[in-house]
Every structure is written in structure tokens, then in C-alpha cells.
Amino acid sequence: METKEKNVKKEEKVILNALKTDCTGCSTCADFKADNLRHALARLNGVTKVKVDEITGKVTIEYGTQKIILSKITERIEKLGYKVEIVSREEIQ
């Protein structure tokens, strides 16, 4: 039984591209929207770390797989008006 528990994923790190669908790309707009995105994701139960790069649009998220699934995270980003593309996904310790 103990072996099965060790194989269960505890946390994942995912890197996403998030492109705002209604933005012209000005820096003021990018800063404001990055803060909103960071705040909205950090409030999700199970998300432990969020980093948003305003310049590249890359979003790095660490989350507990026992509390939230990736589709719920991407759904939240899309509801904020972003197009989401998964760049990488990995299990972390």
C-alpha cells in the first residue's frame, strides 16, 4: 500500500502561453492584465505558485494535483479573455 502512495503525483509545474485576445500589446495594458491574471490564478484552491511574464505572455503555475486539475486552471485563464497553449508540464517534488 505504501508503494502506491509514493507513485501518486503530488504537484505539477506547467508553463503556458497566455495571449490576451482583445489587447493591442501596450505595456501599461500588459502590466495591468498580468496582475489580474496572477491574482485570479493565485486564488484558486490548490495553486501554490504563479509567475506571469508580461513581455512573453508565459505563465508558470505550480499546483497540487490532489486539489485541482489543469483544465480548471486553463478554464479560469480563458474566462479572463486569454487564449491558452500548454508549453510544458512536469511533475515536481
N, C-alpha and C. Protein backbone atom coordinates (compact mmCIF):
# COMPACT_ATOMS: atom_id res chain seq x y z
N MET A 1 0.82 -1.19 0.00
CA MET A 1 0.00 0.00 0.00
C MET A 1 0.86 1.25 0.00
N GLU A 2 1.94 1.24 0.73
CA GLU A 2 2.82 2.40 0.83
C GLU A 2 3.43 2.75 -0.53
N THR A 3 3.74 1.75 -1.36
CA THR A 3 4.32 1.97 -2.68
C THR A 3 3.37 2.75 -3.57
N LYS A 4 2.10 2.45 -3.53
CA LYS A 4 1.11 3.16 -4.34
C LYS A 4 1.07 4.64 -3.98
N GLU A 5 1.13 4.96 -2.70
CA GLU A 5 1.08 6.35 -2.27
C GLU A 5 2.28 7.15 -2.77
N LYS A 6 3.43 6.53 -2.85
CA LYS A 6 4.62 7.23 -3.33
C LYS A 6 4.53 7.55 -4.81
N ASN A 7 3.78 6.76 -5.58
CA ASN A 7 3.66 6.97 -7.01
C ASN A 7 2.60 8.01 -7.40
N VAL A 8 1.78 8.44 -6.45
CA VAL A 8 0.74 9.42 -6.72
C VAL A 8 1.39 10.79 -6.91
N LYS A 9 1.02 11.47 -8.01
CA LYS A 9 1.55 12.81 -8.26
C LYS A 9 1.05 13.76 -7.19
N LYS A 10 1.95 14.52 -6.64
CA LYS A 10 1.57 15.49 -5.61
C LYS A 10 1.47 16.90 -6.18
N GLU A 11 2.50 17.31 -6.92
CA GLU A 11 2.49 18.65 -7.51
C GLU A 11 2.98 18.62 -8.93
N GLU A 12 2.47 19.54 -9.72
CA GLU A 12 2.92 19.69 -11.09
C GLU A 12 3.29 21.14 -11.34
N LYS A 13 4.16 21.32 -12.30
CA LYS A 13 4.53 22.66 -12.77
C LYS A 13 4.18 22.70 -14.24
N VAL A 14 3.42 23.70 -14.63
CA VAL A 14 3.02 23.84 -16.02
C VAL A 14 3.41 25.24 -16.50
N ILE A 15 3.88 25.30 -17.73
CA ILE A 15 4.19 26.59 -18.35
C ILE A 15 3.23 26.75 -19.52
N LEU A 16 2.54 27.88 -19.54
CA LEU A 16 1.54 28.16 -20.56
C LEU A 16 1.89 29.44 -21.31
N ASN A 17 1.45 29.53 -22.55
CA ASN A 17 1.42 30.80 -23.26
C ASN A 17 0.01 31.33 -23.10
N ALA A 18 -0.11 32.57 -22.65
CA ALA A 18 -1.43 33.19 -22.50
C ALA A 18 -1.44 34.47 -23.31
N LEU A 19 -2.22 34.49 -24.37
CA LEU A 19 -2.31 35.65 -25.26
C LEU A 19 -3.65 36.32 -25.07
N LYS A 20 -3.63 37.58 -24.69
CA LYS A 20 -4.87 38.32 -24.48
C LYS A 20 -5.52 38.54 -25.84
N THR A 21 -6.75 38.16 -25.98
CA THR A 21 -7.41 38.20 -27.28
C THR A 21 -7.87 39.59 -27.70
N ASP A 22 -8.00 40.53 -26.76
CA ASP A 22 -8.52 41.85 -27.11
C ASP A 22 -7.55 42.98 -26.79
N CYS A 23 -6.24 42.70 -26.84
CA CYS A 23 -5.26 43.70 -26.44
C CYS A 23 -4.36 44.08 -27.61
N THR A 24 -3.94 45.35 -27.63
CA THR A 24 -3.04 45.82 -28.68
C THR A 24 -1.59 45.62 -28.30
N GLY A 25 -1.31 45.27 -27.04
CA GLY A 25 0.05 44.96 -26.63
C GLY A 25 0.80 46.09 -25.94
N CYS A 26 0.13 47.16 -25.54
CA CYS A 26 0.84 48.25 -24.85
C CYS A 26 1.32 47.78 -23.48
N SER A 27 2.41 48.35 -22.99
CA SER A 27 3.00 47.87 -21.73
C SER A 27 2.10 48.14 -20.52
N THR A 28 1.40 49.26 -20.49
CA THR A 28 0.51 49.55 -19.37
C THR A 28 -0.59 48.50 -19.29
N CYS A 29 -1.15 48.19 -20.42
CA CYS A 29 -2.21 47.18 -20.50
C CYS A 29 -1.65 45.81 -20.08
N ALA A 30 -0.46 45.48 -20.56
CA ALA A 30 0.14 44.18 -20.24
C ALA A 30 0.40 44.05 -18.75
N ASP A 31 0.92 45.09 -18.10
CA ASP A 31 1.18 45.05 -16.67
C ASP A 31 -0.12 44.86 -15.89
N PHE A 32 -1.14 45.62 -16.24
CA PHE A 32 -2.43 45.56 -15.56
C PHE A 32 -3.04 44.17 -15.70
N LYS A 33 -3.04 43.64 -16.90
CA LYS A 33 -3.66 42.34 -17.14
C LYS A 33 -2.86 41.21 -16.51
N ALA A 34 -1.54 41.33 -16.47
CA ALA A 34 -0.71 40.31 -15.82
C ALA A 34 -1.02 40.26 -14.33
N ASP A 35 -1.18 41.41 -13.70
CA ASP A 35 -1.53 41.44 -12.28
C ASP A 35 -2.89 40.79 -12.04
N ASN A 36 -3.85 41.09 -12.89
CA ASN A 36 -5.18 40.47 -12.76
C ASN A 36 -5.11 38.96 -12.93
N LEU A 37 -4.35 38.52 -13.92
CA LEU A 37 -4.20 37.09 -14.17
C LEU A 37 -3.51 36.40 -13.00
N ARG A 38 -2.44 36.99 -12.52
CA ARG A 38 -1.69 36.43 -11.38
C ARG A 38 -2.61 36.29 -10.16
N HIS A 39 -3.36 37.34 -9.88
CA HIS A 39 -4.27 37.34 -8.72
C HIS A 39 -5.37 36.29 -8.87
N ALA A 40 -5.96 36.21 -10.05
CA ALA A 40 -7.07 35.26 -10.27
C ALA A 40 -6.59 33.82 -10.13
N LEU A 41 -5.39 33.52 -10.61
CA LEU A 41 -4.88 32.15 -10.51
C LEU A 41 -4.43 31.81 -9.10
N ALA A 42 -3.83 32.77 -8.42
CA ALA A 42 -3.35 32.53 -7.05
C ALA A 42 -4.51 32.23 -6.10
N ARG A 43 -5.69 32.71 -6.43
CA ARG A 43 -6.86 32.49 -5.58
C ARG A 43 -7.47 31.09 -5.75
N LEU A 44 -7.08 30.37 -6.78
CA LEU A 44 -7.62 29.02 -6.99
C LEU A 44 -7.09 28.07 -5.92
N ASN A 45 -7.98 27.29 -5.33
CA ASN A 45 -7.59 26.31 -4.33
C ASN A 45 -6.71 25.24 -4.98
N GLY A 46 -5.50 25.08 -4.45
CA GLY A 46 -4.58 24.09 -4.98
C GLY A 46 -3.41 24.71 -5.73
N VAL A 47 -3.55 25.95 -6.19
CA VAL A 47 -2.45 26.64 -6.87
C VAL A 47 -1.50 27.17 -5.80
N THR A 48 -0.22 26.80 -5.89
CA THR A 48 0.74 27.18 -4.86
C THR A 48 1.69 28.28 -5.31
N LYS A 49 1.87 28.45 -6.62
CA LYS A 49 2.80 29.47 -7.11
C LYS A 49 2.40 29.90 -8.51
N VAL A 50 2.44 31.21 -8.76
CA VAL A 50 2.11 31.75 -10.07
C VAL A 50 3.14 32.80 -10.45
N LYS A 51 3.65 32.70 -11.65
CA LYS A 51 4.57 33.70 -12.19
C LYS A 51 4.10 34.05 -13.59
N VAL A 52 3.89 35.36 -13.84
CA VAL A 52 3.43 35.81 -15.14
C VAL A 52 4.50 36.72 -15.73
N ASP A 53 4.97 36.39 -16.92
CA ASP A 53 5.93 37.23 -17.62
C ASP A 53 5.13 38.11 -18.58
N GLU A 54 5.06 39.41 -18.26
CA GLU A 54 4.24 40.35 -19.04
C GLU A 54 4.73 40.49 -20.47
N ILE A 55 6.03 40.34 -20.69
CA ILE A 55 6.60 40.55 -22.02
C ILE A 55 6.33 39.37 -22.94
N THR A 56 6.60 38.16 -22.47
CA THR A 56 6.46 36.97 -23.33
C THR A 56 5.06 36.37 -23.28
N GLY A 57 4.30 36.67 -22.23
CA GLY A 57 2.98 36.07 -22.07
C GLY A 57 3.03 34.68 -21.47
N LYS A 58 4.21 34.25 -21.01
CA LYS A 58 4.34 32.93 -20.40
C LYS A 58 3.86 32.98 -18.95
N VAL A 59 3.12 31.97 -18.58
CA VAL A 59 2.59 31.84 -17.22
C VAL A 59 3.09 30.52 -16.66
N THR A 60 3.79 30.58 -15.52
CA THR A 60 4.29 29.39 -14.85
C THR A 60 3.46 29.18 -13.60
N ILE A 61 2.90 27.99 -13.48
CA ILE A 61 2.00 27.68 -12.37
C ILE A 61 2.42 26.38 -11.72
N GLU A 62 2.48 26.38 -10.40
CA GLU A 62 2.69 25.16 -9.64
C GLU A 62 1.39 24.90 -8.86
N TYR A 63 0.96 23.65 -8.88
CA TYR A 63 -0.31 23.33 -8.23
C TYR A 63 -0.32 21.90 -7.72
N GLY A 64 -1.15 21.67 -6.72
CA GLY A 64 -1.33 20.34 -6.15
C GLY A 64 -2.36 19.56 -6.95
N THR A 65 -1.95 18.45 -7.51
CA THR A 65 -2.84 17.67 -8.37
C THR A 65 -3.97 17.00 -7.60
N GLN A 66 -3.83 16.92 -6.29
CA GLN A 66 -4.89 16.33 -5.48
C GLN A 66 -6.03 17.33 -5.22
N LYS A 67 -5.74 18.63 -5.45
CA LYS A 67 -6.74 19.66 -5.15
C LYS A 67 -7.36 20.30 -6.39
N ILE A 68 -6.62 20.33 -7.51
CA ILE A 68 -7.13 20.98 -8.71
C ILE A 68 -6.54 20.30 -9.94
N ILE A 69 -7.30 20.30 -11.03
CA ILE A 69 -6.80 19.73 -12.28
C ILE A 69 -6.47 20.86 -13.25
N LEU A 70 -5.59 20.57 -14.19
CA LEU A 70 -5.11 21.59 -15.11
C LEU A 70 -6.24 22.22 -15.92
N SER A 71 -7.24 21.46 -16.30
CA SER A 71 -8.33 22.03 -17.10
C SER A 71 -9.08 23.13 -16.35
N LYS A 72 -9.18 23.04 -15.04
CA LYS A 72 -9.82 24.10 -14.26
C LYS A 72 -8.98 25.38 -14.29
N ILE A 73 -7.66 25.22 -14.29
CA ILE A 73 -6.76 26.38 -14.34
C ILE A 73 -6.86 27.05 -15.71
N THR A 74 -6.79 26.25 -16.77
CA THR A 74 -6.86 26.85 -18.11
C THR A 74 -8.24 27.45 -18.38
N GLU A 75 -9.27 26.85 -17.82
CA GLU A 75 -10.62 27.40 -17.95
C GLU A 75 -10.71 28.79 -17.32
N ARG A 76 -10.09 28.97 -16.16
CA ARG A 76 -10.09 30.27 -15.49
C ARG A 76 -9.37 31.31 -16.36
N ILE A 77 -8.24 30.92 -16.95
CA ILE A 77 -7.47 31.84 -17.80
C ILE A 77 -8.30 32.24 -19.02
N GLU A 78 -8.96 31.28 -19.63
CA GLU A 78 -9.78 31.56 -20.81
C GLU A 78 -10.96 32.47 -20.48
N LYS A 79 -11.54 32.30 -19.30
CA LYS A 79 -12.65 33.17 -18.88
C LYS A 79 -12.21 34.62 -18.72
N LEU A 80 -10.91 34.83 -18.47
CA LEU A 80 -10.37 36.18 -18.36
C LEU A 80 -10.03 36.78 -19.73
N GLY A 81 -10.29 36.04 -20.79
CA GLY A 81 -10.10 36.55 -22.14
C GLY A 81 -8.77 36.22 -22.78
N TYR A 82 -8.14 35.14 -22.33
CA TYR A 82 -6.85 34.73 -22.89
C TYR A 82 -7.00 33.45 -23.71
N LYS A 83 -6.18 33.35 -24.74
CA LYS A 83 -6.04 32.08 -25.47
C LYS A 83 -4.89 31.35 -24.80
N VAL A 84 -5.07 30.08 -24.47
CA VAL A 84 -4.09 29.32 -23.69
C VAL A 84 -3.47 28.20 -24.53
N GLU A 85 -2.15 28.08 -24.42
CA GLU A 85 -1.42 27.00 -25.06
C GLU A 85 -0.44 26.42 -24.04
N ILE A 86 -0.46 25.11 -23.85
CA ILE A 86 0.45 24.47 -22.91
C ILE A 86 1.81 24.31 -23.58
N VAL A 87 2.85 24.86 -22.93
CA VAL A 87 4.21 24.78 -23.43
C VAL A 87 4.91 23.55 -22.86
N SER A 88 4.82 23.38 -21.54
CA SER A 88 5.41 22.21 -20.89
C SER A 88 4.67 21.89 -19.61
N ARG A 89 4.84 20.65 -19.19
CA ARG A 89 4.16 20.18 -17.97
C ARG A 89 5.05 19.13 -17.34
N GLU A 90 5.33 19.27 -16.05
CA GLU A 90 6.20 18.31 -15.38
C GLU A 90 5.80 18.12 -13.92
N GLU A 91 6.10 16.94 -13.42
CA GLU A 91 5.87 16.65 -12.01
C GLU A 91 7.02 17.25 -11.21
N ILE A 92 6.73 17.84 -10.07
CA ILE A 92 7.76 18.41 -9.20
C ILE A 92 7.68 17.76 -7.83
N GLN A 93 8.77 17.83 -7.11
CA GLN A 93 8.84 17.24 -5.77
C GLN A 93 8.56 18.26 -4.71
